[in-house]
Amino acid sequence: MAYKISTDCVACGTCQGECPVGAISAGDIYKIDPGLCTDCGTCAAACPVGAISQE
């Protein structure tokens, strides 16, 4: 089950830098490509505002 970034995202970029497979793309709200996400949870652990969770 892939992770998803909610509208609570503040676009700080922390998750993107932590993703080991490059599944996160920048934007007003960052997005995770479910086809690339390996469900490692590194992004969720790194998010300072808790905007990332499993779908």
C-alpha atoms as a PDB file:
ATOM      1  CA  MET A   1       0.000   0.000   0.000  1.00  0.00           C
ATOM      2  CA  ALA A   2       1.618   3.252  -1.118  1.00  0.00           C
ATOM      3  CA  TYR A   3       1.998   6.319   1.043  1.00  0.00           C
ATOM      4  CA  LYS A   4       0.049   9.493   0.298  1.00  0.00           C
ATOM      5  CA  ILE A   5       0.705  13.146   1.117  1.00  0.00           C
ATOM      6  CA  SER A   6      -2.280  15.082   2.479  1.00  0.00           C
ATOM      7  CA  THR A   7      -3.219  18.724   2.036  1.00  0.00           C
ATOM      8  CA  ASP A   8      -1.418  19.387   5.334  1.00  0.00           C
ATOM      9  CA  CYS A   9       1.806  19.367   3.265  1.00  0.00           C
ATOM     10  CA  VAL A  10       3.808  22.600   3.601  1.00  0.00           C
ATOM     11  CA  ALA A  11       6.050  21.778   0.598  1.00  0.00           C
ATOM     12  CA  CYS A  12       9.246  21.857   2.660  1.00  0.00           C
ATOM     13  CA  GLY A  13      10.919  19.172   0.527  1.00  0.00           C
ATOM     14  CA  THR A  14      12.158  17.040   3.411  1.00  0.00           C
ATOM     15  CA  CYS A  15      10.339  13.920   2.214  1.00  0.00           C
ATOM     16  CA  GLN A  16      11.651  14.239  -1.328  1.00  0.00           C
ATOM     17  CA  GLY A  17      15.233  14.265  -0.122  1.00  0.00           C
ATOM     18  CA  GLU A  18      14.645  11.215   2.073  1.00  0.00           C
ATOM     19  CA  CYS A  19      12.916   8.973  -0.504  1.00  0.00           C
ATOM     20  CA  PRO A  20      15.402   6.260  -1.539  1.00  0.00           C
ATOM     21  CA  VAL A  21      13.618   5.528  -4.834  1.00  0.00           C
ATOM     22  CA  GLY A  22      12.760   9.054  -5.998  1.00  0.00           C
ATOM     23  CA  ALA A  23       9.000   8.498  -5.828  1.00  0.00           C
ATOM     24  CA  ILE A  24       8.183  12.019  -4.595  1.00  0.00           C
ATOM     25  CA  SER A  25       7.684  14.996  -6.895  1.00  0.00           C
ATOM     26  CA  ALA A  26       7.593  18.665  -5.914  1.00  0.00           C
ATOM     27  CA  GLY A  27       4.593  20.976  -6.119  1.00  0.00           C
ATOM     28  CA  ASP A  28       2.362  23.136  -3.959  1.00  0.00           C
ATOM     29  CA  ILE A  29       1.560  19.822  -2.313  1.00  0.00           C
ATOM     30  CA  TYR A  30       4.158  17.138  -2.942  1.00  0.00           C
ATOM     31  CA  LYS A  31       2.985  13.900  -4.555  1.00  0.00           C
ATOM     32  CA  ILE A  32       4.094  10.271  -4.230  1.00  0.00           C
ATOM     33  CA  ASP A  33       4.045   8.057  -7.308  1.00  0.00           C
ATOM     34  CA  PRO A  34       2.352   4.841  -6.093  1.00  0.00           C
ATOM     35  CA  GLY A  35       4.046   2.881  -8.871  1.00  0.00           C
ATOM     36  CA  LEU A  36       7.478   3.781  -7.537  1.00  0.00           C
ATOM     37  CA  CYS A  37       6.758   3.834  -3.798  1.00  0.00           C
ATOM     38  CA  THR A  38       8.192   0.792  -1.995  1.00  0.00           C
ATOM     39  CA  ASP A  39       6.270   1.418   1.256  1.00  0.00           C
ATOM     40  CA  CYS A  40       9.470   1.934   3.254  1.00  0.00           C
ATOM     41  CA  GLY A  41       7.952   4.731   5.372  1.00  0.00           C
ATOM     42  CA  THR A  42      11.059   6.912   5.322  1.00  0.00           C
ATOM     43  CA  CYS A  43       9.091   9.874   3.991  1.00  0.00           C
ATOM     44  CA  ALA A  44       6.438   9.622   6.706  1.00  0.00           C
ATOM     45  CA  ALA A  45       9.084   9.467   9.418  1.00  0.00           C
ATOM     46  CA  ALA A  46      10.835  12.532   7.975  1.00  0.00           C
ATOM     47  CA  CYS A  47       7.747  14.730   7.492  1.00  0.00           C
ATOM     48  CA  PRO A  48       7.832  17.528  10.097  1.00  0.00           C
ATOM     49  CA  VAL A  49       4.067  18.146   9.911  1.00  0.00           C
ATOM     50  CA  GLY A  50       2.795  14.552   9.751  1.00  0.00           C
ATOM     51  CA  ALA A  51       1.257  15.001   6.301  1.00  0.00           C
ATOM     52  CA  ILE A  52       2.219  11.540   5.014  1.00  0.00           C
ATOM     53  CA  SER A  53       0.345   8.319   5.726  1.00  0.00           C
ATOM     54  CA  GLN A  54      -0.484   5.011   4.092  1.00  0.00           C
ATOM     55  CA  GLU A  55      -3.579   4.956   1.840  1.00  0.00           C
END
